[in-house]
Amino acid sequence: MTHDKGGYKQINKSLNICAFEDYLKGQTANLDPIPDVEQVTERVLRVRGQNPGKFTFQGTNTFLVGTGASRILIDTSGGEPEYAKLLASTLESRNISIKYVLVTHWHGDHSGGVPDLIRMYPHLKDHIYKNDPDPGQQDIHEGQEFCVEGATVIALHCPGHSEDHMCFILKEENSMFTGDNILGTGTSAVEDLGIFMFSLHKMMDQKCRAGHPAHGVTIDDLNTKISRELSSKYRREKQVIRALRNLRDYGQNRPVVRDIVENIYGNSVDETTRTLALEPFIDEVLRKLAGDGKVGFQVRAGQKKWFLIGNEQSTAGGIRQVQYPVTRASA
């Protein structure tokens, strides 16, 4: 698949830079410092991507995994020259090399360093692995194992943040490289909320102890962190359902997104925040609820008019329910 390389800016219509300026400043205001290079566990050496910013926080975390002379590299940062130099000096000073490169997903702050790696280490040309790979790369399959001395890394397809998103389990430490699905700080933007939440449950089912996120500090209790993320998402769903009930009780049986936003947030929200942030965000929650069979919509005059539904209602008469297929890595 060919993508317009980039990071969060390409991911979600609801993540508008202007509307979320204050939110992003809040998320980055009190970030814990992360060293350029740190041995976070016996088998995991973190190398910071040298690309700090509003969307990447302290920068993308990349990881050298294993205990021997040959390691697995997870993610490649965004192609910053400073990262290429830091990675090269780290490998040289520790007398280690890279056997496999695993890319969690296509966003540029994770895959952008691949050309530099191949330029510096030509033997890696045939050892770049990614789900839905770009030309010249190798595919990653669900459950595929990558082994080096001291480490067995198992691939887990967890879409939603992006369709190709992979997490990786470090078997020997019962830990997970969570990519952008679970961050050390804040919360991630998503392409598809329903699929994303399915993936979070899938990640919880692995019962990994710790998490190594692509942005932010190490997560000591991964399942607690995932549980909090899910609880937040479910609270949003309840807000939307409550708003639909309130509007129905006041005679608005088919409100549009703008009506729902006003019921939840009031009418004092400025127009920019409403149209560029809140309305697309609530629309995503509604689409997820439609996939769950809890709401439906009718299109009238080019607008979706939403309503609560029960299990007994049919989908006839122009009423649509959206079903979300759960995508999986190709076998």
C-alpha atoms as a PDB file:
ATOM      1  CA  MET A   1       0.000   0.000   0.000  1.00  0.00           C
ATOM      2  CA  THR A   2       1.270   3.477  -0.862  1.00  0.00           C
ATOM      3  CA  HIS A   3       0.662   6.097   1.801  1.00  0.00           C
ATOM      4  CA  ASP A   4       1.114   9.828   2.042  1.00  0.00           C
ATOM      5  CA  LYS A   5       3.930   9.595   4.561  1.00  0.00           C
ATOM      6  CA  GLY A   6       3.329  11.546   7.704  1.00  0.00           C
ATOM      7  CA  GLY A   7       2.359  11.235  11.328  1.00  0.00           C
ATOM      8  CA  TYR A   8      -0.742  12.178  13.230  1.00  0.00           C
ATOM      9  CA  LYS A   9      -1.610  15.014  10.841  1.00  0.00           C
ATOM     10  CA  GLN A  10      -2.851  12.522   8.244  1.00  0.00           C
ATOM     11  CA  ILE A  11      -4.700  10.226  10.582  1.00  0.00           C
ATOM     12  CA  ASN A  12      -7.995  11.653  11.720  1.00  0.00           C
ATOM     13  CA  LYS A  13     -10.242  14.422  10.497  1.00  0.00           C
ATOM     14  CA  SER A  14     -11.136  15.194  14.119  1.00  0.00           C
ATOM     15  CA  LEU A  15      -7.529  15.885  15.075  1.00  0.00           C
ATOM     16  CA  ASN A  16      -7.342  19.433  13.784  1.00  0.00           C
ATOM     17  CA  ILE A  17      -4.186  21.296  14.769  1.00  0.00           C
ATOM     18  CA  CYS A  18      -5.902  24.642  15.371  1.00  0.00           C
ATOM     19  CA  ALA A  19      -8.767  23.245  17.410  1.00  0.00           C
ATOM     20  CA  PHE A  20      -6.500  21.040  19.509  1.00  0.00           C
ATOM     21  CA  GLU A  21      -3.703  23.561  20.091  1.00  0.00           C
ATOM     22  CA  ASP A  22      -4.506  24.023  23.776  1.00  0.00           C
ATOM     23  CA  TYR A  23      -5.056  20.285  24.232  1.00  0.00           C
ATOM     24  CA  LEU A  24      -1.698  19.466  22.696  1.00  0.00           C
ATOM     25  CA  LYS A  25       0.075  22.067  24.817  1.00  0.00           C
ATOM     26  CA  GLY A  26      -1.529  20.531  27.881  1.00  0.00           C
ATOM     27  CA  GLN A  27      -0.383  17.052  26.954  1.00  0.00           C
ATOM     28  CA  THR A  28       3.212  18.173  26.386  1.00  0.00           C
ATOM     29  CA  ALA A  29       3.512  20.640  29.276  1.00  0.00           C
ATOM     30  CA  ASN A  30       4.677  18.185  31.935  1.00  0.00           C
ATOM     31  CA  LEU A  31       6.439  15.455  30.005  1.00  0.00           C
ATOM     32  CA  ASP A  32       8.921  13.259  31.814  1.00  0.00           C
ATOM     33  CA  PRO A  33      12.413  13.563  30.331  1.00  0.00           C
ATOM     34  CA  ILE A  34      13.577  10.557  28.317  1.00  0.00           C
ATOM     35  CA  PRO A  35      17.314   9.962  27.809  1.00  0.00           C
ATOM     36  CA  ASP A  36      18.605   9.652  24.266  1.00  0.00           C
ATOM     37  CA  VAL A  37      19.685   6.081  24.999  1.00  0.00           C
ATOM     38  CA  GLU A  38      18.541   3.987  27.956  1.00  0.00           C
ATOM     39  CA  GLN A  39      18.698   0.313  28.903  1.00  0.00           C
ATOM     40  CA  VAL A  40      15.117   0.050  30.168  1.00  0.00           C
ATOM     41  CA  THR A  41      15.252  -3.716  30.819  1.00  0.00           C
ATOM     42  CA  GLU A  42      17.802  -6.473  30.410  1.00  0.00           C
ATOM     43  CA  ARG A  43      16.572  -7.097  26.860  1.00  0.00           C
ATOM     44  CA  VAL A  44      15.279  -3.682  25.779  1.00  0.00           C
ATOM     45  CA  LEU A  45      17.485  -0.731  24.837  1.00  0.00           C
ATOM     46  CA  ARG A  46      15.497   2.407  23.985  1.00  0.00           C
ATOM     47  CA  VAL A  47      16.909   4.916  21.469  1.00  0.00           C
ATOM     48  CA  ARG A  48      14.980   8.176  21.262  1.00  0.00           C
ATOM     49  CA  GLY A  49      14.012   9.310  17.762  1.00  0.00           C
ATOM     50  CA  GLN A  50      15.296  12.914  17.963  1.00  0.00           C
ATOM     51  CA  ASN A  51      11.950  14.217  16.699  1.00  0.00           C
ATOM     52  CA  PRO A  52      10.193  15.878  19.653  1.00  0.00           C
ATOM     53  CA  GLY A  53       7.024  17.798  18.883  1.00  0.00           C
ATOM     54  CA  LYS A  54       3.354  18.402  19.649  1.00  0.00           C
ATOM     55  CA  PHE A  55       2.323  15.092  18.116  1.00  0.00           C
ATOM     56  CA  THR A  56       5.396  13.013  18.975  1.00  0.00           C
ATOM     57  CA  PHE A  57       5.887  14.352  22.528  1.00  0.00           C
ATOM     58  CA  GLN A  58       9.489  13.571  23.595  1.00  0.00           C
ATOM     59  CA  GLY A  59      10.008  11.929  20.208  1.00  0.00           C
ATOM     60  CA  THR A  60       9.431   8.474  18.780  1.00  0.00           C
ATOM     61  CA  ASN A  61      10.825   5.655  20.887  1.00  0.00           C
ATOM     62  CA  THR A  62      12.742   3.026  18.931  1.00  0.00           C
ATOM     63  CA  PHE A  63      13.913  -0.159  20.574  1.00  0.00           C
ATOM     64  CA  LEU A  64      16.863  -2.505  20.157  1.00  0.00           C
ATOM     65  CA  VAL A  65      15.741  -5.874  21.507  1.00  0.00           C
ATOM     66  CA  GLY A  66      17.890  -8.824  22.544  1.00  0.00           C
ATOM     67  CA  THR A  67      20.971  -9.579  24.622  1.00  0.00           C
ATOM     68  CA  GLY A  68      23.520 -10.754  22.051  1.00  0.00           C
ATOM     69  CA  ALA A  69      25.527  -9.160  19.274  1.00  0.00           C
ATOM     70  CA  SER A  70      22.558  -9.233  16.865  1.00  0.00           C
ATOM     71  CA  ARG A  71      19.379  -7.333  17.775  1.00  0.00           C
ATOM     72  CA  ILE A  72      15.861  -6.562  16.564  1.00  0.00           C
ATOM     73  CA  LEU A  73      15.060  -2.895  15.906  1.00  0.00           C
ATOM     74  CA  ILE A  74      11.433  -1.854  16.452  1.00  0.00           C
ATOM     75  CA  ASP A  75      10.519   1.370  14.590  1.00  0.00           C
ATOM     76  CA  THR A  76      12.883   3.749  12.833  1.00  0.00           C
ATOM     77  CA  SER A  77      11.770   7.291  13.809  1.00  0.00           C
ATOM     78  CA  GLY A  78      11.085   9.851  11.080  1.00  0.00           C
ATOM     79  CA  GLY A  79      14.304  10.069   9.088  1.00  0.00           C
ATOM     80  CA  GLU A  80      16.023  12.690  11.224  1.00  0.00           C
ATOM     81  CA  PRO A  81      19.805  12.800  10.571  1.00  0.00           C
ATOM     82  CA  GLU A  82      20.405  13.160  14.309  1.00  0.00           C
ATOM     83  CA  TYR A  83      18.673   9.842  14.924  1.00  0.00           C
ATOM     84  CA  ALA A  84      20.708   8.058  12.264  1.00  0.00           C
ATOM     85  CA  LYS A  85      23.898   9.316  13.904  1.00  0.00           C
ATOM     86  CA  LEU A  86      22.690   8.383  17.392  1.00  0.00           C
ATOM     87  CA  LEU A  87      21.674   4.883  16.320  1.00  0.00           C
ATOM     88  CA  ALA A  88      24.985   4.308  14.508  1.00  0.00           C
ATOM     89  CA  SER A  89      27.024   5.434  17.514  1.00  0.00           C
ATOM     90  CA  THR A  90      24.891   3.295  19.836  1.00  0.00           C
ATOM     91  CA  LEU A  91      25.456   0.181  17.732  1.00  0.00           C
ATOM     92  CA  GLU A  92      29.184   0.865  17.420  1.00  0.00           C
ATOM     93  CA  SER A  93      29.781   1.620  21.101  1.00  0.00           C
ATOM     94  CA  ARG A  94      28.035  -1.587  22.150  1.00  0.00           C
ATOM     95  CA  ASN A  95      29.467  -3.693  19.325  1.00  0.00           C
ATOM     96  CA  ILE A  96      26.007  -4.830  18.200  1.00  0.00           C
ATOM     97  CA  SER A  97      24.211  -5.045  14.860  1.00  0.00           C
ATOM     98  CA  ILE A  98      20.621  -5.208  13.598  1.00  0.00           C
ATOM     99  CA  LYS A  99      19.171  -8.465  12.243  1.00  0.00           C
ATOM    100  CA  TYR A 100      15.515  -7.483  11.744  1.00  0.00           C
ATOM    101  CA  VAL A 101      13.705  -4.143  11.500  1.00  0.00           C
ATOM    102  CA  LEU A 102      10.045  -4.262  12.572  1.00  0.00           C
ATOM    103  CA  VAL A 103       7.859  -1.249  11.747  1.00  0.00           C
ATOM    104  CA  THR A 104       4.711  -0.883  13.844  1.00  0.00           C
ATOM    105  CA  HIS A 105       2.800   1.069  11.149  1.00  0.00           C
ATOM    106  CA  TRP A 106       3.130   3.346   8.163  1.00  0.00           C
ATOM    107  CA  HIS A 107       3.083   6.790   9.797  1.00  0.00           C
ATOM    108  CA  GLY A 108       6.172   8.766   8.957  1.00  0.00           C
ATOM    109  CA  ASP A 109       7.463   9.159  12.500  1.00  0.00           C
ATOM    110  CA  HIS A 110       7.785   5.360  12.642  1.00  0.00           C
ATOM    111  CA  SER A 111       8.747   4.367   9.105  1.00  0.00           C
ATOM    112  CA  GLY A 112      10.614   7.447   7.909  1.00  0.00           C
ATOM    113  CA  GLY A 113      14.030   6.231   9.024  1.00  0.00           C
ATOM    114  CA  VAL A 114      14.002   3.123   6.832  1.00  0.00           C
ATOM    115  CA  PRO A 115      15.936   4.708   3.906  1.00  0.00           C
ATOM    116  CA  ASP A 116      18.727   5.845   6.236  1.00  0.00           C
ATOM    117  CA  LEU A 117      18.972   2.369   7.739  1.00  0.00           C
ATOM    118  CA  ILE A 118      19.334   0.742   4.331  1.00  0.00           C
ATOM    119  CA  ARG A 119      21.863   3.370   3.277  1.00  0.00           C
ATOM    120  CA  MET A 120      23.983   2.792   6.389  1.00  0.00           C
ATOM    121  CA  TYR A 121      23.458  -0.967   6.606  1.00  0.00           C
ATOM    122  CA  PRO A 122      22.738  -2.405   3.126  1.00  0.00           C
ATOM    123  CA  HIS A 123      22.251  -5.922   4.491  1.00  0.00           C
ATOM    124  CA  LEU A 124      18.956  -4.724   5.994  1.00  0.00           C
ATOM    125  CA  LYS A 125      17.385  -4.196   2.563  1.00  0.00           C
ATOM    126  CA  ASP A 126      15.672  -7.598   2.719  1.00  0.00           C
ATOM    127  CA  HIS A 127      15.005  -7.500   6.458  1.00  0.00           C
ATOM    128  CA  ILE A 128      12.514  -4.638   6.823  1.00  0.00           C
ATOM    129  CA  TYR A 129       9.200  -6.061   8.054  1.00  0.00           C
ATOM    130  CA  LYS A 130       5.819  -4.303   8.109  1.00  0.00           C
ATOM    131  CA  ASN A 131       2.205  -5.339   7.861  1.00  0.00           C
ATOM    132  CA  ASP A 132       0.906  -4.320   4.404  1.00  0.00           C
ATOM    133  CA  PRO A 133       4.508  -3.708   3.325  1.00  0.00           C
ATOM    134  CA  ASP A 134       5.814  -1.104   0.917  1.00  0.00           C
ATOM    135  CA  PRO A 135       7.705  -2.374  -2.155  1.00  0.00           C
ATOM    136  CA  GLY A 136      10.881  -4.172  -1.148  1.00  0.00           C
ATOM    137  CA  GLN A 137       9.689  -4.768   2.408  1.00  0.00           C
ATOM    138  CA  GLN A 138       8.628  -8.071   3.952  1.00  0.00           C
ATOM    139  CA  ASP A 139       5.144  -8.740   5.271  1.00  0.00           C
ATOM    140  CA  ILE A 140       4.442  -9.407   8.931  1.00  0.00           C
ATOM    141  CA  HIS A 141       1.950 -12.152   9.756  1.00  0.00           C
ATOM    142  CA  GLU A 142      -0.181 -12.470  12.876  1.00  0.00           C
ATOM    143  CA  GLY A 143       1.742 -14.598  15.380  1.00  0.00           C
ATOM    144  CA  GLN A 144       5.003 -14.450  13.417  1.00  0.00           C
ATOM    145  CA  GLU A 145       8.076 -14.844  15.635  1.00  0.00           C
ATOM    146  CA  PHE A 146      11.380 -13.010  15.300  1.00  0.00           C
ATOM    147  CA  CYS A 147      14.207 -14.502  17.324  1.00  0.00           C
ATOM    148  CA  VAL A 148      17.617 -13.264  18.372  1.00  0.00           C
ATOM    149  CA  GLU A 149      19.756 -14.191  21.342  1.00  0.00           C
ATOM    150  CA  GLY A 150      17.801 -13.517  24.511  1.00  0.00           C
ATOM    151  CA  ALA A 151      14.585 -12.412  22.824  1.00  0.00           C
ATOM    152  CA  THR A 152      11.555 -13.850  21.054  1.00  0.00           C
ATOM    153  CA  VAL A 153       9.302 -11.144  19.584  1.00  0.00           C
ATOM    154  CA  ILE A 154       5.773 -12.140  18.509  1.00  0.00           C
ATOM    155  CA  ALA A 155       3.676 -10.032  16.104  1.00  0.00           C
ATOM    156  CA  LEU A 156       0.134  -9.017  17.040  1.00  0.00           C
ATOM    157  CA  HIS A 157      -2.113  -7.184  14.554  1.00  0.00           C
ATOM    158  CA  CYS A 158      -3.957  -4.408  16.406  1.00  0.00           C
ATOM    159  CA  PRO A 159      -5.563  -1.996  13.879  1.00  0.00           C
ATOM    160  CA  GLY A 160      -7.618   1.101  14.580  1.00  0.00           C
ATOM    161  CA  HIS A 161      -4.936   3.750  15.017  1.00  0.00           C
ATOM    162  CA  SER A 162      -4.017   2.703  11.499  1.00  0.00           C
ATOM    163  CA  GLU A 163      -5.151  -0.274   9.460  1.00  0.00           C
ATOM    164  CA  ASP A 164      -1.683  -1.848   9.382  1.00  0.00           C
ATOM    165  CA  HIS A 165      -0.810  -1.266  13.048  1.00  0.00           C
ATOM    166  CA  MET A 166       1.176  -4.033  14.736  1.00  0.00           C
ATOM    167  CA  CYS A 167       2.106  -4.525  18.366  1.00  0.00           C
ATOM    168  CA  PHE A 168       4.911  -6.866  19.402  1.00  0.00           C
ATOM    169  CA  ILE A 169       5.151  -9.124  22.452  1.00  0.00           C
ATOM    170  CA  LEU A 170       8.523  -9.803  24.068  1.00  0.00           C
ATOM    171  CA  LYS A 171       7.941 -13.352  25.241  1.00  0.00           C
ATOM    172  CA  GLU A 172      10.799 -13.568  27.747  1.00  0.00           C
ATOM    173  CA  GLU A 173       9.645 -10.496  29.706  1.00  0.00           C
ATOM    174  CA  ASN A 174       5.886 -10.772  29.136  1.00  0.00           C
ATOM    175  CA  SER A 175       5.889  -7.202  27.868  1.00  0.00           C
ATOM    176  CA  MET A 176       4.458  -5.507  24.786  1.00  0.00           C
ATOM    177  CA  PHE A 177       5.695  -2.875  22.359  1.00  0.00           C
ATOM    178  CA  THR A 178       2.441  -0.998  22.013  1.00  0.00           C
ATOM    179  CA  GLY A 179       3.288   1.306  19.105  1.00  0.00           C
ATOM    180  CA  ASP A 180       0.824   4.194  18.975  1.00  0.00           C
ATOM    181  CA  ASN A 181      -2.134   2.245  20.367  1.00  0.00           C
ATOM    182  CA  ILE A 182      -1.222   2.948  23.989  1.00  0.00           C
ATOM    183  CA  LEU A 183       1.061   5.873  24.769  1.00  0.00           C
ATOM    184  CA  GLY A 184       3.132   6.593  27.847  1.00  0.00           C
ATOM    185  CA  THR A 185       1.527  10.041  27.923  1.00  0.00           C
ATOM    186  CA  GLY A 186      -1.957  11.057  26.822  1.00  0.00           C
ATOM    187  CA  THR A 187      -4.099   9.189  24.331  1.00  0.00           C
ATOM    188  CA  SER A 188      -3.789   8.275  20.682  1.00  0.00           C
ATOM    189  CA  ALA A 189      -5.745   9.484  17.664  1.00  0.00           C
ATOM    190  CA  VAL A 190      -7.580   6.777  15.721  1.00  0.00           C
ATOM    191  CA  GLU A 191      -8.798   6.035  12.215  1.00  0.00           C
ATOM    192  CA  ASP A 192     -11.643   3.777  13.338  1.00  0.00           C
ATOM    193  CA  LEU A 193     -12.856   3.866  16.926  1.00  0.00           C
ATOM    194  CA  GLY A 194     -14.731   0.561  16.850  1.00  0.00           C
ATOM    195  CA  ILE A 195     -11.803  -1.417  15.481  1.00  0.00           C
ATOM    196  CA  PHE A 196      -9.417   0.430  17.789  1.00  0.00           C
ATOM    197  CA  MET A 197     -11.408  -0.573  20.876  1.00  0.00           C
ATOM    198  CA  PHE A 198     -11.528  -4.172  19.667  1.00  0.00           C
ATOM    199  CA  SER A 199      -7.742  -4.042  19.405  1.00  0.00           C
ATOM    200  CA  LEU A 200      -7.411  -2.679  22.937  1.00  0.00           C
ATOM    201  CA  HIS A 201      -9.378  -5.664  24.230  1.00  0.00           C
ATOM    202  CA  LYS A 202      -7.163  -7.947  22.167  1.00  0.00           C
ATOM    203  CA  MET A 203      -4.093  -6.343  23.720  1.00  0.00           C
ATOM    204  CA  MET A 204      -5.531  -6.831  27.218  1.00  0.00           C
ATOM    205  CA  ASP A 205      -6.165 -10.495  26.477  1.00  0.00           C
ATOM    206  CA  GLN A 206      -2.420 -11.032  26.111  1.00  0.00           C
ATOM    207  CA  LYS A 207      -2.001 -10.214  29.837  1.00  0.00           C
ATOM    208  CA  CYS A 208       1.375  -8.584  29.328  1.00  0.00           C
ATOM    209  CA  ARG A 209       2.930  -7.052  32.409  1.00  0.00           C
ATOM    210  CA  ALA A 210       4.581  -3.912  31.037  1.00  0.00           C
ATOM    211  CA  GLY A 211       4.291  -1.791  27.912  1.00  0.00           C
ATOM    212  CA  HIS A 212       6.955  -0.081  25.815  1.00  0.00           C
ATOM    213  CA  PRO A 213       5.098   2.703  23.965  1.00  0.00           C
ATOM    214  CA  ALA A 214       6.272   4.463  20.829  1.00  0.00           C
ATOM    215  CA  HIS A 215       5.840   7.788  22.615  1.00  0.00           C
ATOM    216  CA  GLY A 216       6.377   8.461  26.297  1.00  0.00           C
ATOM    217  CA  VAL A 217       7.778   6.555  29.244  1.00  0.00           C
ATOM    218  CA  THR A 218       7.547   2.829  29.979  1.00  0.00           C
ATOM    219  CA  ILE A 219       4.152   1.635  31.232  1.00  0.00           C
ATOM    220  CA  ASP A 220       4.624  -0.480  34.373  1.00  0.00           C
ATOM    221  CA  ASP A 221       1.077  -1.914  34.491  1.00  0.00           C
ATOM    222  CA  LEU A 222      -0.096  -2.229  30.907  1.00  0.00           C
ATOM    223  CA  ASN A 223      -3.549  -3.714  31.463  1.00  0.00           C
ATOM    224  CA  THR A 224      -4.449  -1.017  33.976  1.00  0.00           C
ATOM    225  CA  LYS A 225      -3.460   1.622  31.420  1.00  0.00           C
ATOM    226  CA  ILE A 226      -5.504  -0.071  28.672  1.00  0.00           C
ATOM    227  CA  SER A 227      -8.480  -0.443  31.008  1.00  0.00           C
ATOM    228  CA  ARG A 228      -8.427   3.286  31.743  1.00  0.00           C
ATOM    229  CA  GLU A 229      -8.290   4.059  28.034  1.00  0.00           C
ATOM    230  CA  LEU A 230     -11.291   1.831  27.369  1.00  0.00           C
ATOM    231  CA  SER A 231     -13.223   3.304  30.294  1.00  0.00           C
ATOM    232  CA  SER A 232     -12.710   6.778  28.873  1.00  0.00           C
ATOM    233  CA  LYS A 233     -14.007   5.681  25.479  1.00  0.00           C
ATOM    234  CA  TYR A 234     -17.061   3.984  26.996  1.00  0.00           C
ATOM    235  CA  ARG A 235     -17.832   7.121  29.022  1.00  0.00           C
ATOM    236  CA  ARG A 236     -17.933   9.054  25.752  1.00  0.00           C
ATOM    237  CA  GLU A 237     -20.387   6.539  24.323  1.00  0.00           C
ATOM    238  CA  LYS A 238     -22.641   6.929  27.353  1.00  0.00           C
ATOM    239  CA  GLN A 239     -22.522  10.705  26.927  1.00  0.00           C
ATOM    240  CA  VAL A 240     -23.714  10.406  23.336  1.00  0.00           C
ATOM    241  CA  ILE A 241     -26.477   7.935  24.185  1.00  0.00           C
ATOM    242  CA  ARG A 242     -27.625  10.189  27.031  1.00  0.00           C
ATOM    243  CA  ALA A 243     -27.680  13.164  24.686  1.00  0.00           C
ATOM    244  CA  LEU A 244     -29.788  11.259  22.144  1.00  0.00           C
ATOM    245  CA  ARG A 245     -32.256  10.351  24.895  1.00  0.00           C
ATOM    246  CA  ASN A 246     -32.411  13.939  26.120  1.00  0.00           C
ATOM    247  CA  LEU A 247     -33.027  15.248  22.627  1.00  0.00           C
ATOM    248  CA  ARG A 248     -35.672  12.588  21.963  1.00  0.00           C
ATOM    249  CA  ASP A 249     -37.459  13.514  25.194  1.00  0.00           C
ATOM    250  CA  TYR A 250     -37.581  17.127  24.007  1.00  0.00           C
ATOM    251  CA  GLY A 251     -39.050  16.147  20.655  1.00  0.00           C
ATOM    252  CA  GLN A 252     -35.885  15.953  18.545  1.00  0.00           C
ATOM    253  CA  ASN A 253     -36.185  12.403  17.309  1.00  0.00           C
ATOM    254  CA  ARG A 254     -33.648  12.738  14.498  1.00  0.00           C
ATOM    255  CA  PRO A 255     -30.905  15.170  15.630  1.00  0.00           C
ATOM    256  CA  VAL A 256     -27.839  15.922  13.551  1.00  0.00           C
ATOM    257  CA  VAL A 257     -24.331  15.831  15.014  1.00  0.00           C
ATOM    258  CA  ARG A 258     -24.394  19.543  15.759  1.00  0.00           C
ATOM    259  CA  ASP A 259     -27.475  19.088  17.978  1.00  0.00           C
ATOM    260  CA  ILE A 260     -25.770  16.278  19.890  1.00  0.00           C
ATOM    261  CA  VAL A 261     -22.614  18.320  20.409  1.00  0.00           C
ATOM    262  CA  GLU A 262     -24.656  21.239  21.740  1.00  0.00           C
ATOM    263  CA  ASN A 263     -26.542  18.967  24.130  1.00  0.00           C
ATOM    264  CA  ILE A 264     -23.270  17.575  25.539  1.00  0.00           C
ATOM    265  CA  TYR A 265     -21.071  20.680  25.568  1.00  0.00           C
ATOM    266  CA  GLY A 266     -23.582  23.544  25.618  1.00  0.00           C
ATOM    267  CA  ASN A 267     -23.839  26.436  23.197  1.00  0.00           C
ATOM    268  CA  SER A 268     -20.847  28.409  24.498  1.00  0.00           C
ATOM    269  CA  VAL A 269     -18.275  26.408  22.505  1.00  0.00           C
ATOM    270  CA  ASP A 270     -16.653  28.538  19.811  1.00  0.00           C
ATOM    271  CA  GLU A 271     -17.470  27.697  16.200  1.00  0.00           C
ATOM    272  CA  THR A 272     -13.945  26.594  15.279  1.00  0.00           C
ATOM    273  CA  THR A 273     -13.714  24.073  18.098  1.00  0.00           C
ATOM    274  CA  ARG A 274     -17.240  22.849  17.386  1.00  0.00           C
ATOM    275  CA  THR A 275     -16.827  22.263  13.647  1.00  0.00           C
ATOM    276  CA  LEU A 276     -13.177  21.206  13.468  1.00  0.00           C
ATOM    277  CA  ALA A 277     -12.917  19.154  16.652  1.00  0.00           C
ATOM    278  CA  LEU A 278     -16.081  18.241  18.522  1.00  0.00           C
ATOM    279  CA  GLU A 279     -18.431  17.444  15.656  1.00  0.00           C
ATOM    280  CA  PRO A 280     -16.010  15.075  13.848  1.00  0.00           C
ATOM    281  CA  PHE A 281     -15.127  13.481  17.183  1.00  0.00           C
ATOM    282  CA  ILE A 282     -18.763  12.841  18.125  1.00  0.00           C
ATOM    283  CA  ASP A 283     -19.434  11.599  14.581  1.00  0.00           C
ATOM    284  CA  GLU A 284     -16.723   8.968  15.119  1.00  0.00           C
ATOM    285  CA  VAL A 285     -18.370   7.873  18.384  1.00  0.00           C
ATOM    286  CA  LEU A 286     -21.735   7.663  16.605  1.00  0.00           C
ATOM    287  CA  ARG A 287     -20.251   5.501  13.837  1.00  0.00           C
ATOM    288  CA  LYS A 288     -18.839   3.168  16.463  1.00  0.00           C
ATOM    289  CA  LEU A 289     -22.218   2.965  18.209  1.00  0.00           C
ATOM    290  CA  ALA A 290     -23.846   2.258  14.837  1.00  0.00           C
ATOM    291  CA  GLY A 291     -21.421  -0.599  14.338  1.00  0.00           C
ATOM    292  CA  ASP A 292     -22.518  -1.926  17.729  1.00  0.00           C
ATOM    293  CA  GLY A 293     -26.163  -1.769  16.690  1.00  0.00           C
ATOM    294  CA  LYS A 294     -27.053   0.861  19.323  1.00  0.00           C
ATOM    295  CA  VAL A 295     -27.849   3.780  17.028  1.00  0.00           C
ATOM    296  CA  GLY A 296     -28.925   4.245  13.440  1.00  0.00           C
ATOM    297  CA  PHE A 297     -29.198   7.123  11.023  1.00  0.00           C
ATOM    298  CA  GLN A 298     -31.206   8.355   8.073  1.00  0.00           C
ATOM    299  CA  VAL A 299     -29.790  10.663   5.430  1.00  0.00           C
ATOM    300  CA  ARG A 300     -32.020  13.668   4.823  1.00  0.00           C
ATOM    301  CA  ALA A 301     -30.981  16.706   2.772  1.00  0.00           C
ATOM    302  CA  GLY A 302     -27.421  15.457   2.771  1.00  0.00           C
ATOM    303  CA  GLN A 303     -27.192  15.173   6.557  1.00  0.00           C
ATOM    304  CA  LYS A 304     -27.159  12.140   8.822  1.00  0.00           C
ATOM    305  CA  LYS A 305     -29.988  12.245  11.335  1.00  0.00           C
ATOM    306  CA  TRP A 306     -29.255   9.960  14.275  1.00  0.00           C
ATOM    307  CA  PHE A 307     -31.508   7.998  16.606  1.00  0.00           C
ATOM    308  CA  LEU A 308     -31.364   5.258  19.210  1.00  0.00           C
ATOM    309  CA  ILE A 309     -32.473   1.789  18.132  1.00  0.00           C
ATOM    310  CA  GLY A 310     -33.376  -1.426  19.882  1.00  0.00           C
ATOM    311  CA  ASN A 311     -32.378  -4.941  18.902  1.00  0.00           C
ATOM    312  CA  GLU A 312     -35.887  -5.552  17.664  1.00  0.00           C
ATOM    313  CA  GLN A 313     -35.841  -2.803  15.025  1.00  0.00           C
ATOM    314  CA  SER A 314     -35.279  -3.685  11.400  1.00  0.00           C
ATOM    315  CA  THR A 315     -32.916  -1.894   9.037  1.00  0.00           C
ATOM    316  CA  ALA A 316     -35.646  -1.400   6.425  1.00  0.00           C
ATOM    317  CA  GLY A 317     -37.045   1.890   5.210  1.00  0.00           C
ATOM    318  CA  GLY A 318     -33.793   3.655   4.415  1.00  0.00           C
ATOM    319  CA  ILE A 319     -32.406   3.180   7.918  1.00  0.00           C
ATOM    320  CA  ARG A 320     -28.749   2.155   7.991  1.00  0.00           C
ATOM    321  CA  GLN A 321     -26.682   0.399  10.604  1.00  0.00           C
ATOM    322  CA  VAL A 322     -22.945   0.356  10.038  1.00  0.00           C
ATOM    323  CA  GLN A 323     -21.092  -2.889  10.679  1.00  0.00           C
ATOM    324  CA  TYR A 324     -17.343  -2.753  11.229  1.00  0.00           C
ATOM    325  CA  PRO A 325     -15.309  -5.683   9.968  1.00  0.00           C
ATOM    326  CA  VAL A 326     -12.245  -6.365  12.100  1.00  0.00           C
ATOM    327  CA  THR A 327      -9.258  -6.397   9.788  1.00  0.00           C
ATOM    328  CA  ARG A 328      -6.465  -8.856  10.447  1.00  0.00           C
ATOM    329  CA  ALA A 329      -2.944  -9.279   9.262  1.00  0.00           C
ATOM    330  CA  SER A 330      -2.711 -11.402   6.152  1.00  0.00           C
ATOM    331  CA  ALA A 331      -1.667 -14.989   6.741  1.00  0.00           C
END
